[in-house]
C-alpha atoms as a PDB file:
ATOM      1  CA  ASN A   1     126.189 123.907  93.350  1.00  0.00           C
ATOM      2  CA  THR A   2     125.922 124.942  97.212  1.00  0.00           C
ATOM      3  CA  LEU A   3     129.445 124.663  99.063  1.00  0.00           C
ATOM      4  CA  ILE A   4     129.077 123.609 102.787  1.00  0.00           C
ATOM      5  CA  LEU A   5     131.769 124.709 105.150  1.00  0.00           C
ATOM      6  CA  THR A   6     133.000 121.773 107.783  1.00  0.00           C
ATOM      7  CA  TYR A   7     134.177 124.222 111.796  1.00  0.00           C
ATOM      8  CA  PHE A   8     136.629 122.640 114.229  1.00  0.00           C
ATOM      9  CA  ASN A   9     136.746 125.055 116.977  1.00  0.00           C
ATOM     10  CA  ASN A  10     140.246 126.098 118.924  1.00  0.00           C
ATOM     11  CA  GLN A  11     139.976 122.379 120.542  1.00  0.00           C
ATOM     12  CA  GLY A  12     140.288 121.084 117.504  1.00  0.00           C
ATOM     13  CA  VAL A  13     136.749 119.525 117.722  1.00  0.00           C
ATOM     14  CA  GLN A  14     134.294 119.635 115.266  1.00  0.00           C
ATOM     15  CA  ALA A  15     130.955 122.238 116.081  1.00  0.00           C
ATOM     16  CA  PRO A  16     128.362 123.824 114.207  1.00  0.00           C
ATOM     17  CA  VAL A  17     129.713 126.499 111.767  1.00  0.00           C
ATOM     18  CA  PRO A  18     129.211 130.025 113.295  1.00  0.00           C
ATOM     19  CA  ALA A  19     127.561 133.116 111.911  1.00  0.00           C
ATOM     20  CA  GLY A  20     130.129 135.931 110.044  1.00  0.00           C
ATOM     21  CA  VAL A  21     131.044 133.283 108.137  1.00  0.00           C
ATOM     22  CA  VAL A  22     131.484 135.861 104.707  1.00  0.00           C
ATOM     23  CA  TRP A  23     131.718 134.349 100.722  1.00  0.00           C
ATOM     24  CA  ALA A  24     134.131 135.511  97.824  1.00  0.00           C
ATOM     25  CA  THR A  25     135.087 134.782  94.667  1.00  0.00           C
ATOM     26  CA  SER A  26     137.777 135.739  92.715  1.00  0.00           C
ATOM     27  CA  ASN A  27     136.550 136.791  89.562  1.00  0.00           C
ATOM     28  CA  ALA A  28     132.870 137.758  89.309  1.00  0.00           C
ATOM     29  CA  THR A  29     132.965 137.413  85.444  1.00  0.00           C
ATOM     30  CA  LEU A  30     133.914 134.201  85.458  1.00  0.00           C
ATOM     31  CA  ALA A  31     131.707 132.601  88.824  1.00  0.00           C
ATOM     32  CA  THR A  32     129.146 134.351  91.727  1.00  0.00           C
ATOM     33  CA  VAL A  33     128.938 133.067  95.268  1.00  0.00           C
ATOM     34  CA  ASN A  34     126.274 134.034  98.095  1.00  0.00           C
ATOM     35  CA  GLN A  35     126.534 134.479 101.838  1.00  0.00           C
ATOM     36  CA  GLN A  36     125.187 131.272 101.706  1.00  0.00           C
ATOM     37  CA  GLY A  37     127.771 129.496  99.657  1.00  0.00           C
ATOM     38  CA  LEU A  38     125.794 128.892  96.770  1.00  0.00           C
ATOM     39  CA  VAL A  39     128.155 129.602  93.472  1.00  0.00           C
ATOM     40  CA  MET A  40     126.542 129.698  89.803  1.00  0.00           C
ATOM     41  CA  GLY A  41     128.749 129.950  87.141  1.00  0.00           C
ATOM     42  CA  ILE A  42     129.234 133.036  84.616  1.00  0.00           C
ATOM     43  CA  ALA A  43     131.674 132.167  81.804  1.00  0.00           C
ATOM     44  CA  ALA A  44     134.278 129.092  81.575  1.00  0.00           C
ATOM     45  CA  GLY A  45     137.261 129.340  84.014  1.00  0.00           C
ATOM     46  CA  THR A  46     138.639 129.110  86.751  1.00  0.00           C
ATOM     47  CA  PRO A  47     138.062 130.860  90.207  1.00  0.00           C
ATOM     48  CA  ILE A  48     138.583 130.540  93.780  1.00  0.00           C
ATOM     49  CA  ILE A  49     135.785 130.915  96.085  1.00  0.00           C
ATOM     50  CA  THR A  50     136.695 131.513 100.061  1.00  0.00           C
ATOM     51  CA  ALA A  51     135.180 131.764 102.446  1.00  0.00           C
ATOM     52  CA  THR A  52     136.801 133.390 105.559  1.00  0.00           C
ATOM     53  CA  LEU A  53     135.247 133.863 109.797  1.00  0.00           C
ATOM     54  CA  ASN A  54     137.556 136.475 111.576  1.00  0.00           C
ATOM     55  CA  SER A  55     140.778 135.398 110.382  1.00  0.00           C
ATOM     56  CA  ILE A  56     140.612 132.100 109.268  1.00  0.00           C
ATOM     57  CA  MET A  57     139.736 131.638 105.323  1.00  0.00           C
ATOM     58  CA  ALA A  58     138.791 127.979 103.542  1.00  0.00           C
ATOM     59  CA  ASN A  59     139.642 128.116  99.648  1.00  0.00           C
ATOM     60  CA  PHE A  60     138.197 125.836  97.225  1.00  0.00           C
ATOM     61  CA  THR A  61     139.010 125.620  93.312  1.00  0.00           C
ATOM     62  CA  ILE A  62     136.264 125.304  90.735  1.00  0.00           C
ATOM     63  CA  THR A  63     136.012 124.541  87.311  1.00  0.00           C
ATOM     64  CA  VAL A  64     133.354 126.812  84.822  1.00  0.00           C
ATOM     65  CA  THR A  65     132.753 125.148  81.123  1.00  0.00           C
ATOM     66  CA  ASN A  66     130.212 126.500  78.249  1.00  0.00           C
ATOM     67  CA  SER A  67     128.968 122.885  78.629  1.00  0.00           C
ATOM     68  CA  LEU A  68     125.402 122.127  80.218  1.00  0.00           C
ATOM     69  CA  GLU A  69     127.105 119.332  81.710  1.00  0.00           C
ATOM     70  CA  ARG A  70     126.432 118.629  85.401  1.00  0.00           C
ATOM     71  CA  LEU A  71     125.485 115.955  88.160  1.00  0.00           C
ATOM     72  CA  GLU A  72     122.126 116.211  91.040  1.00  0.00           C
ATOM     73  CA  ILE A  73     122.372 114.606  93.766  1.00  0.00           C
ATOM     74  CA  SER A  74     118.873 113.595  95.848  1.00  0.00           C
ATOM     75  CA  PRO A  75     118.595 113.939  98.402  1.00  0.00           C
ATOM     76  CA  GLY A  76     120.540 117.411  99.171  1.00  0.00           C
ATOM     77  CA  SER A  77     121.094 116.098 102.737  1.00  0.00           C
ATOM     78  CA  ALA A  78     120.369 113.631 105.570  1.00  0.00           C
ATOM     79  CA  ASN A  79     120.191 113.186 108.784  1.00  0.00           C
ATOM     80  CA  ILE A  80     121.430 109.154 110.077  1.00  0.00           C
ATOM     81  CA  MET A  81     122.253 107.684 113.323  1.00  0.00           C
ATOM     82  CA  THR A  82     126.001 106.162 113.899  1.00  0.00           C
ATOM     83  CA  SER A  83     126.166 102.524 112.446  1.00  0.00           C
ATOM     84  CA  ASN A  84     123.065 103.382 109.813  1.00  0.00           C
ATOM     85  CA  THR A  85     122.773 104.421 106.723  1.00  0.00           C
ATOM     86  CA  ALA A  86     121.777 106.335 103.682  1.00  0.00           C
ATOM     87  CA  THR A  87     121.483 105.694 100.188  1.00  0.00           C
ATOM     88  CA  PHE A  88     122.319 109.113  97.773  1.00  0.00           C
ATOM     89  CA  THR A  89     121.307 108.734  94.255  1.00  0.00           C
ATOM     90  CA  LEU A  90     122.398 110.555  90.455  1.00  0.00           C
ATOM     91  CA  THR A  91     120.339 112.034  87.899  1.00  0.00           C
ATOM     92  CA  TYR A  92     123.060 112.849  84.758  1.00  0.00           C
ATOM     93  CA  PHE A  93     122.460 115.700  82.357  1.00  0.00           C
ATOM     94  CA  ASN A  94     124.475 115.341  79.430  1.00  0.00           C
ATOM     95  CA  GLY A  95     126.463 118.674  77.808  1.00  0.00           C
ATOM     96  CA  SER A  96     123.396 119.697  75.851  1.00  0.00           C
ATOM     97  CA  GLY A  97     121.732 120.126  79.299  1.00  0.00           C
ATOM     98  CA  ILE A  98     119.580 116.364  78.422  1.00  0.00           C
ATOM     99  CA  GLN A  99     119.420 113.760  80.648  1.00  0.00           C
ATOM    100  CA  ALA A 100     120.763 110.803  80.618  1.00  0.00           C
ATOM    101  CA  PRO A 101     122.325 107.132  82.023  1.00  0.00           C
ATOM    102  CA  VAL A 102     124.791 108.090  84.214  1.00  0.00           C
ATOM    103  CA  PRO A 103     128.380 107.664  83.319  1.00  0.00           C
ATOM    104  CA  PRO A 104     130.931 105.293  84.730  1.00  0.00           C
ATOM    105  CA  GLY A 105     133.643 106.387  86.489  1.00  0.00           C
ATOM    106  CA  ILE A 106     131.650 108.493  89.275  1.00  0.00           C
ATOM    107  CA  VAL A 107     134.033 108.846  92.659  1.00  0.00           C
ATOM    108  CA  TRP A 108     132.366 109.275  95.589  1.00  0.00           C
ATOM    109  CA  SER A 109     134.161 110.869  98.425  1.00  0.00           C
ATOM    110  CA  SER A 110     133.418 112.476 101.980  1.00  0.00           C
ATOM    111  CA  ASN A 111     134.868 114.987 103.350  1.00  0.00           C
ATOM    112  CA  SER A 112     135.217 113.655 107.299  1.00  0.00           C
ATOM    113  CA  ASN A 113     135.693 109.566 106.854  1.00  0.00           C
ATOM    114  CA  ALA A 114     135.196 109.765 110.786  1.00  0.00           C
ATOM    115  CA  ILE A 115     131.836 111.021 110.577  1.00  0.00           C
ATOM    116  CA  ALA A 116     130.723 108.797 107.203  1.00  0.00           C
ATOM    117  CA  THR A 117     132.194 106.680 104.765  1.00  0.00           C
ATOM    118  CA  VAL A 118     130.229 106.444 101.652  1.00  0.00           C
ATOM    119  CA  ASN A 119     130.674 103.853  98.692  1.00  0.00           C
ATOM    120  CA  SER A 120     130.774 103.723  95.213  1.00  0.00           C
ATOM    121  CA  THR A 121     127.331 102.968  94.947  1.00  0.00           C
ATOM    122  CA  GLY A 122     126.162 106.115  97.322  1.00  0.00           C
ATOM    123  CA  ILE A 123     125.787 104.369 100.465  1.00  0.00           C
ATOM    124  CA  VAL A 124     126.682 106.387 103.899  1.00  0.00           C
ATOM    125  CA  THR A 125     127.613 105.041 106.487  1.00  0.00           C
ATOM    126  CA  GLY A 126     127.198 106.788 110.048  1.00  0.00           C
ATOM    127  CA  MET A 127     130.946 106.622 111.988  1.00  0.00           C
ATOM    128  CA  ALA A 128     130.543 109.659 114.358  1.00  0.00           C
ATOM    129  CA  ALA A 129     128.819 112.130 115.762  1.00  0.00           C
ATOM    130  CA  GLY A 130     129.595 115.169 113.692  1.00  0.00           C
ATOM    131  CA  GLN A 131     128.498 117.050 109.734  1.00  0.00           C
ATOM    132  CA  THR A 132     130.570 116.132 106.598  1.00  0.00           C
ATOM    133  CA  THR A 133     130.185 116.798 103.108  1.00  0.00           C
ATOM    134  CA  ILE A 134     129.263 114.168 100.724  1.00  0.00           C
ATOM    135  CA  SER A 135     130.769 114.670  97.692  1.00  0.00           C
ATOM    136  CA  ALA A 136     130.215 112.558  93.525  1.00  0.00           C
ATOM    137  CA  THR A 137     132.886 113.943  91.074  1.00  0.00           C
ATOM    138  CA  LEU A 138     132.718 112.654  87.392  1.00  0.00           C
ATOM    139  CA  ASN A 139     136.359 113.081  85.194  1.00  0.00           C
ATOM    140  CA  ALA A 140     137.411 115.144  88.002  1.00  0.00           C
ATOM    141  CA  THR A 141     135.514 118.323  87.010  1.00  0.00           C
ATOM    142  CA  ILE A 142     131.798 117.655  86.968  1.00  0.00           C
ATOM    143  CA  PHE A 143     130.671 117.530  91.010  1.00  0.00           C
ATOM    144  CA  THR A 144     128.124 117.461  93.380  1.00  0.00           C
ATOM    145  CA  THR A 145     127.870 117.545  96.786  1.00  0.00           C
ATOM    146  CA  ALA A 146     124.946 116.577  99.804  1.00  0.00           C
ATOM    147  CA  SER A 147     125.386 116.796 103.358  1.00  0.00           C
ATOM    148  CA  VAL A 148     125.272 114.359 106.212  1.00  0.00           C
ATOM    149  CA  THR A 149     124.742 114.904 109.946  1.00  0.00           C
ATOM    150  CA  VAL A 150     125.454 111.956 112.508  1.00  0.00           C
ATOM    151  CA  THR A 151     124.199 112.018 115.973  1.00  0.00           C
ATOM    152  CA  ALA A 152     124.919 109.091 118.311  1.00  0.00           C
ATOM    153  CA  ASN A 153     122.892 106.263 119.282  1.00  0.00           C
ATOM    154  CA  ASN A 154     123.168 107.405 122.475  1.00  0.00           C
ATOM    155  CA  THR A 155     122.261 111.047 121.862  1.00  0.00           C
ATOM    156  CA  LEU A 156     118.935 112.516 123.712  1.00  0.00           C
ATOM    157  CA  ALA A 157     116.246 113.644 120.767  1.00  0.00           C
ATOM    158  CA  THR A 158     113.255 113.282 122.446  1.00  0.00           C
ATOM    159  CA  ILE A 159     111.497 113.706 125.812  1.00  0.00           C
ATOM    160  CA  THR A 160     107.440 112.023 126.111  1.00  0.00           C
ATOM    161  CA  LEU A 161     105.121 113.059 128.970  1.00  0.00           C
ATOM    162  CA  SER A 162     103.082 110.309 130.486  1.00  0.00           C
ATOM    163  CA  PRO A 163      99.956 111.161 130.529  1.00  0.00           C
ATOM    164  CA  SER A 164     100.278 112.917 127.972  1.00  0.00           C
ATOM    165  CA  ASN A 165      96.936 114.846 128.515  1.00  0.00           C
ATOM    166  CA  GLU A 166      95.716 117.095 130.717  1.00  0.00           C
ATOM    167  CA  ILE A 167      95.709 116.511 134.488  1.00  0.00           C
ATOM    168  CA  GLU A 168      93.207 117.857 136.607  1.00  0.00           C
ATOM    169  CA  LEU A 169      93.716 117.725 140.586  1.00  0.00           C
ATOM    170  CA  ALA A 170      92.262 119.277 143.338  1.00  0.00           C
ATOM    171  CA  LEU A 171      93.184 121.573 145.382  1.00  0.00           C
ATOM    172  CA  ASN A 172      96.633 119.566 147.626  1.00  0.00           C
ATOM    173  CA  GLN A 173      95.755 116.288 145.366  1.00  0.00           C
ATOM    174  CA  SER A 174      99.191 114.800 143.274  1.00  0.00           C
ATOM    175  CA  ALA A 175      99.618 113.226 140.430  1.00  0.00           C
ATOM    176  CA  THR A 176     103.137 111.297 139.318  1.00  0.00           C
ATOM    177  CA  ILE A 177     103.995 111.765 135.732  1.00  0.00           C
ATOM    178  CA  THR A 178     106.311 109.751 134.087  1.00  0.00           C
ATOM    179  CA  ALA A 179     109.406 111.089 131.455  1.00  0.00           C
ATOM    180  CA  VAL A 180     111.053 109.062 129.037  1.00  0.00           C
ATOM    181  CA  GLY A 181     113.633 110.284 126.609  1.00  0.00           C
ATOM    182  CA  LYS A 182     114.588 108.375 123.537  1.00  0.00           C
ATOM    183  CA  ASP A 183     117.275 108.922 120.843  1.00  0.00           C
ATOM    184  CA  GLY A 184     116.684 109.717 117.364  1.00  0.00           C
ATOM    185  CA  SER A 185     116.019 105.725 116.406  1.00  0.00           C
ATOM    186  CA  GLY A 186     113.335 106.141 118.985  1.00  0.00           C
ATOM    187  CA  ASN A 187     115.386 103.998 121.347  1.00  0.00           C
ATOM    188  CA  VAL A 188     114.805 104.502 125.400  1.00  0.00           C
ATOM    189  CA  ILE A 189     117.906 105.765 127.020  1.00  0.00           C
ATOM    190  CA  PRO A 190     118.109 104.746 130.338  1.00  0.00           C
ATOM    191  CA  GLY A 191     119.678 106.436 133.777  1.00  0.00           C
ATOM    192  CA  LEU A 192     118.497 109.706 132.387  1.00  0.00           C
ATOM    193  CA  VAL A 193     117.765 112.540 135.244  1.00  0.00           C
ATOM    194  CA  PHE A 194     115.301 115.208 134.328  1.00  0.00           C
ATOM    195  CA  ASN A 195     114.634 118.952 135.264  1.00  0.00           C
ATOM    196  CA  TRP A 196     110.759 119.147 135.926  1.00  0.00           C
ATOM    197  CA  ALA A 197     109.349 122.962 135.741  1.00  0.00           C
ATOM    198  CA  THR A 198     106.451 124.823 135.694  1.00  0.00           C
ATOM    199  CA  LEU A 199     105.535 127.784 134.519  1.00  0.00           C
ATOM    200  CA  ASN A 200     103.741 128.553 137.539  1.00  0.00           C
ATOM    201  CA  SER A 201     105.026 127.353 141.050  1.00  0.00           C
ATOM    202  CA  SER A 202     101.512 129.471 142.615  1.00  0.00           C
ATOM    203  CA  LEU A 203      99.561 127.347 141.235  1.00  0.00           C
ATOM    204  CA  VAL A 204     101.140 123.864 141.312  1.00  0.00           C
ATOM    205  CA  SER A 205     104.246 122.318 142.641  1.00  0.00           C
ATOM    206  CA  ILE A 206     107.037 119.604 141.366  1.00  0.00           C
ATOM    207  CA  ASN A 207     109.270 117.057 142.088  1.00  0.00           C
ATOM    208  CA  ASN A 208     110.855 114.474 140.697  1.00  0.00           C
ATOM    209  CA  GLY A 209     107.328 113.992 138.438  1.00  0.00           C
ATOM    210  CA  GLN A 210     105.116 114.500 141.664  1.00  0.00           C
ATOM    211  CA  VAL A 211     102.514 117.280 140.814  1.00  0.00           C
ATOM    212  CA  THR A 212     100.815 118.711 143.377  1.00  0.00           C
ATOM    213  CA  GLY A 213      97.993 120.884 143.340  1.00  0.00           C
ATOM    214  CA  VAL A 214      98.089 124.738 145.464  1.00  0.00           C
ATOM    215  CA  GLY A 215      96.424 126.622 143.726  1.00  0.00           C
ATOM    216  CA  TYR A 216      93.743 126.995 140.894  1.00  0.00           C
ATOM    217  CA  GLY A 217      94.116 127.329 138.161  1.00  0.00           C
ATOM    218  CA  THR A 218      95.947 126.286 134.777  1.00  0.00           C
ATOM    219  CA  THR A 219      99.649 126.327 134.124  1.00  0.00           C
ATOM    220  CA  ASN A 220     102.408 123.800 132.286  1.00  0.00           C
ATOM    221  CA  VAL A 221     104.772 121.439 133.402  1.00  0.00           C
ATOM    222  CA  THR A 222     107.695 119.829 131.489  1.00  0.00           C
ATOM    223  CA  ALA A 223     110.825 117.498 132.105  1.00  0.00           C
ATOM    224  CA  SER A 224     113.851 118.718 130.091  1.00  0.00           C
ATOM    225  CA  ALA A 225     117.904 117.208 130.297  1.00  0.00           C
ATOM    226  CA  SER A 226     120.612 117.835 128.490  1.00  0.00           C
ATOM    227  CA  SER A 227     119.152 120.436 125.916  1.00  0.00           C
ATOM    228  CA  ILE A 228     116.806 118.602 125.468  1.00  0.00           C
ATOM    229  CA  THR A 229     112.543 119.449 126.895  1.00  0.00           C
ATOM    230  CA  SER A 230     109.655 117.579 126.790  1.00  0.00           C
ATOM    231  CA  PRO A 231     106.292 119.222 124.800  1.00  0.00           C
ATOM    232  CA  PRO A 232     104.277 120.627 127.890  1.00  0.00           C
ATOM    233  CA  LEU A 233     101.198 118.583 129.876  1.00  0.00           C
ATOM    234  CA  MET A 234      98.704 120.986 131.236  1.00  0.00           C
ATOM    235  CA  VAL A 235      97.812 120.619 134.719  1.00  0.00           C
ATOM    236  CA  GLN A 236      94.221 121.943 135.934  1.00  0.00           C
ATOM    237  CA  VAL A 237      93.652 123.283 139.779  1.00  0.00           C
ATOM    238  CA  PHE A 238      89.833 122.619 139.917  1.00  0.00           C
ATOM    239  CA  ARG A 239      86.960 123.255 142.849  1.00  0.00           C
ATOM    240  CA  GLY A 240      84.653 119.733 142.563  1.00  0.00           C
ATOM    241  CA  ASN A 241      82.448 117.968 144.523  1.00  0.00           C
ATOM    242  CA  PRO A 242      79.483 115.596 144.233  1.00  0.00           C
ATOM    243  CA  PHE A 243      75.966 116.858 143.737  1.00  0.00           C
ATOM    244  CA  ASN A 244      73.893 116.328 147.020  1.00  0.00           C
ATOM    245  CA  GLY A 245      71.352 114.256 145.936  1.00  0.00           C
ATOM    246  CA  ALA A 246      68.589 115.997 146.577  1.00  0.00           C
ATOM    247  CA  PHE A 247      65.777 115.170 144.022  1.00  0.00           C
ATOM    248  CA  GLY A 248      67.495 112.806 142.314  1.00  0.00           C
ATOM    249  CA  SER A 249      70.615 114.850 141.250  1.00  0.00           C
ATOM    250  CA  MET A 250      73.432 113.302 140.983  1.00  0.00           C
ATOM    251  CA  GLY A 251      77.335 113.425 138.986  1.00  0.00           C
ATOM    252  CA  THR A 252      79.598 116.712 140.470  1.00  0.00           C
ATOM    253  CA  ALA A 253      80.255 120.234 139.129  1.00  0.00           C
ATOM    254  CA  LYS A 254      83.489 121.681 138.616  1.00  0.00           C
ATOM    255  CA  LEU A 255      84.837 125.415 139.062  1.00  0.00           C
ATOM    256  CA  LYS A 256      87.795 125.460 136.224  1.00  0.00           C
ATOM    257  CA  ILE A 257      90.214 128.152 134.691  1.00  0.00           C
ATOM    258  CA  VAL A 258      90.347 127.465 130.494  1.00  0.00           C
ATOM    259  CA  ASN A 259      92.562 129.870 129.005  1.00  0.00           C
ATOM    260  CA  GLY A 260      91.713 132.703 131.500  1.00  0.00           C
ATOM    261  CA  VAL A 261      88.231 131.623 131.559  1.00  0.00           C
ATOM    262  CA  LEU A 262      86.288 130.574 134.641  1.00  0.00           C
ATOM    263  CA  ARG A 263      83.814 127.999 133.237  1.00  0.00           C
ATOM    264  CA  LEU A 264      81.071 125.852 135.602  1.00  0.00           C
ATOM    265  CA  GLU A 265      81.322 122.392 133.736  1.00  0.00           C
ATOM    266  CA  THR A 266      78.783 118.882 135.007  1.00  0.00           C
ATOM    267  CA  SER A 267      80.449 115.342 134.181  1.00  0.00           C
ATOM    268  CA  ALA A 268      78.935 113.143 132.111  1.00  0.00           C
ATOM    269  CA  ASN A 269      76.667 111.063 134.642  1.00  0.00           C
ATOM    270  CA  PHE A 270      75.624 114.530 136.170  1.00  0.00           C
ATOM    271  CA  SER A 271      71.712 114.627 135.429  1.00  0.00           C
ATOM    272  CA  VAL A 272      68.547 116.425 137.920  1.00  0.00           C
ATOM    273  CA  SER A 273      64.925 116.283 138.120  1.00  0.00           C
ATOM    274  CA  THR A 274      63.505 116.101 134.609  1.00  0.00           C
ATOM    275  CA  GLY A 275      59.677 116.754 136.634  1.00  0.00           C
ATOM    276  CA  ALA A 276      60.352 120.706 137.957  1.00  0.00           C
ATOM    277  CA  PRO A 277      59.997 123.842 135.376  1.00  0.00           C
ATOM    278  CA  ASP A 278      62.405 126.944 134.111  1.00  0.00           C
ATOM    279  CA  LEU A 279      66.044 124.545 136.068  1.00  0.00           C
ATOM    280  CA  ARG A 280      68.473 126.911 136.426  1.00  0.00           C
ATOM    281  CA  ILE A 281      72.547 126.861 137.457  1.00  0.00           C
ATOM    282  CA  TYR A 282      73.753 129.389 139.968  1.00  0.00           C
ATOM    283  CA  LEU A 283      76.403 129.729 141.942  1.00  0.00           C
ATOM    284  CA  SER A 284      75.556 131.055 145.407  1.00  0.00           C
ATOM    285  CA  ASN A 285      76.684 131.214 148.839  1.00  0.00           C
ATOM    286  CA  ALA A 286      74.127 129.679 150.563  1.00  0.00           C
ATOM    287  CA  THR A 287      71.225 126.214 149.870  1.00  0.00           C
ATOM    288  CA  ASN A 288      68.367 127.989 150.153  1.00  0.00           C
ATOM    289  CA  THR A 289      68.570 131.364 148.403  1.00  0.00           C
ATOM    290  CA  ILE A 290      69.918 132.640 145.594  1.00  0.00           C
ATOM    291  CA  ASN A 291      69.962 136.003 146.486  1.00  0.00           C
ATOM    292  CA  GLY A 292      73.517 137.716 146.197  1.00  0.00           C
ATOM    293  CA  ALA A 293      73.579 134.166 143.545  1.00  0.00           C
ATOM    294  CA  VAL A 294      74.767 134.621 140.214  1.00  0.00           C
ATOM    295  CA  GLU A 295      73.356 132.629 137.292  1.00  0.00           C
ATOM    296  CA  VAL A 296      75.215 131.126 135.210  1.00  0.00           C
ATOM    297  CA  ALA A 297      73.051 128.605 132.710  1.00  0.00           C
ATOM    298  CA  THR A 298      68.964 128.224 131.771  1.00  0.00           C
ATOM    299  CA  LEU A 299      69.185 123.973 132.328  1.00  0.00           C
ATOM    300  CA  ASN A 300      67.542 123.425 129.279  1.00  0.00           C
ATOM    301  CA  LEU A 301      69.225 120.169 128.670  1.00  0.00           C
ATOM    302  CA  ARG A 302      68.984 118.137 132.138  1.00  0.00           C
ATOM    303  CA  SER A 303      71.630 115.373 132.443  1.00  0.00           C
ATOM    304  CA  GLY A 304      75.604 114.255 130.759  1.00  0.00           C
ATOM    305  CA  ALA A 305      78.563 116.775 130.986  1.00  0.00           C
ATOM    306  CA  GLN A 306      77.489 120.339 130.201  1.00  0.00           C
ATOM    307  CA  SER A 307      80.053 123.420 130.031  1.00  0.00           C
ATOM    308  CA  TRP A 308      79.073 127.539 131.206  1.00  0.00           C
ATOM    309  CA  ALA A 309      82.111 130.591 130.927  1.00  0.00           C
ATOM    310  CA  VAL A 310      80.830 132.355 134.137  1.00  0.00           C
ATOM    311  CA  PRO A 311      79.842 136.164 133.733  1.00  0.00           C
ATOM    312  CA  LEU A 312      82.612 137.816 134.810  1.00  0.00           C
ATOM    313  CA  LEU A 313      80.831 140.485 137.395  1.00  0.00           C
ATOM    314  CA  ASN A 314      78.477 139.472 139.974  1.00  0.00           C
ATOM    315  CA  PRO A 315      74.969 140.985 140.514  1.00  0.00           C
ATOM    316  CA  VAL A 316      76.987 144.363 142.256  1.00  0.00           C
ATOM    317  CA  GLY A 317      79.159 144.491 139.801  1.00  0.00           C
ATOM    318  CA  GLN A 318      82.380 142.666 141.285  1.00  0.00           C
ATOM    319  CA  PRO A 319      84.862 139.869 139.440  1.00  0.00           C
ATOM    320  CA  ILE A 320      84.228 137.085 139.728  1.00  0.00           C
ATOM    321  CA  THR A 321      86.963 134.719 140.354  1.00  0.00           C
ATOM    322  CA  ILE A 322      87.155 131.074 141.532  1.00  0.00           C
ATOM    323  CA  THR A 323      86.961 131.428 144.948  1.00  0.00           C
ATOM    324  CA  SER A 324      84.136 133.823 144.693  1.00  0.00           C
ATOM    325  CA  TYR A 325      81.125 131.225 145.514  1.00  0.00           C
ATOM    326  CA  SER A 326      80.808 128.228 148.416  1.00  0.00           C
ATOM    327  CA  HIS A 327      78.393 126.322 145.911  1.00  0.00           C
ATOM    328  CA  VAL A 328      77.140 125.152 143.334  1.00  0.00           C
ATOM    329  CA  LEU A 329      73.352 125.600 142.712  1.00  0.00           C
ATOM    330  CA  VAL A 330      70.452 124.136 141.013  1.00  0.00           C
ATOM    331  CA  TRP A 331      67.024 126.375 141.461  1.00  0.00           C
ATOM    332  CA  CYS A 332      63.766 126.263 139.821  1.00  0.00           C
ATOM    333  CA  ARG A 333      63.204 130.035 138.722  1.00  0.00           C
ATOM    334  CA  GLN A 334      59.700 129.684 138.466  1.00  0.00           C
ATOM    335  CA  PHE A 335      58.968 128.860 142.090  1.00  0.00           C
ATOM    336  CA  GLY A 336      61.574 128.380 144.030  1.00  0.00           C
ATOM    337  CA  GLY A 337      63.369 125.486 145.843  1.00  0.00           C
ATOM    338  CA  ASN A 338      66.626 123.684 145.416  1.00  0.00           C
ATOM    339  CA  TYR A 339      67.044 120.891 143.169  1.00  0.00           C
ATOM    340  CA  GLY A 340      70.576 119.871 143.964  1.00  0.00           C
ATOM    341  CA  HIS A 341      73.703 121.523 145.098  1.00  0.00           C
ATOM    342  CA  VAL A 342      77.108 120.988 145.415  1.00  0.00           C
ATOM    343  CA  VAL A 343      79.692 121.890 148.486  1.00  0.00           C
ATOM    344  CA  LEU A 344      82.993 123.624 146.464  1.00  0.00           C
ATOM    345  CA  PRO A 345      85.546 123.100 148.350  1.00  0.00           C
END
């Protein structure tokens, strides 16, 4: 069996058990105990198990018998809210170690009725926040235990953000993120004040849930309250604009940094001329030439959402950044000519 400790600090308030507890047995020939409180019977007798933290000690006398008779409890632990219940069940093994019906006379008890109570059928009710141990005993010598952690109904358990998916912003554009805190039962906790944070304040600013793009790139934002933090929400600040409509071109193009890689993307409604041969898409600094431009891809597909990684270097070997070029250009490589372009902001 595993013995479970309950710790009270110097104000008498229950708190998590600190690290450094040392377990020991008074007679290792009768029973052993490891540093997680797991006791193993070796020979018949009544050894004393001790748990020591600095100068604080707790003792527990156990009875080891030669019989294989025992009780097992399920589940071994439970987490409930105050006023909620959990049910523990017992399995009984007789002196020969064979499973048999649970005998009458089982005595259920809680180490702290202020935290959780247990009735004669193993139903536990949460009373107040904290942790306690539930025991089931047969004939005062055969016992089994389980731990119960009770959380107050108004205790913050999770924070979720809406929207929950990636947000895309143009430079200086803003969006509103909503945070909702819930307890362990999924009930919304009203009146929470959230602390908002971003991993990179050079890319976005955030104030009371309003996020604004201040630099190109990708970062995460979170909301927190008490010791709970929401899952991160990705915010992407991009460069993009619609195509100008030459030769029927339409849709938008965006430059984005995705996982540290600069990518050029077209929107789902993107389309360009299907009659012109050998169309390529470039990053350029002009609408009427590809001199000094960098070729990103061949437009094998003339419509729809597409995404390409931008080359790392320009034609003269310099690194390409999200601000290196002012235009996205669709160009006929075979005969020359602009078949659609985007002026990037």
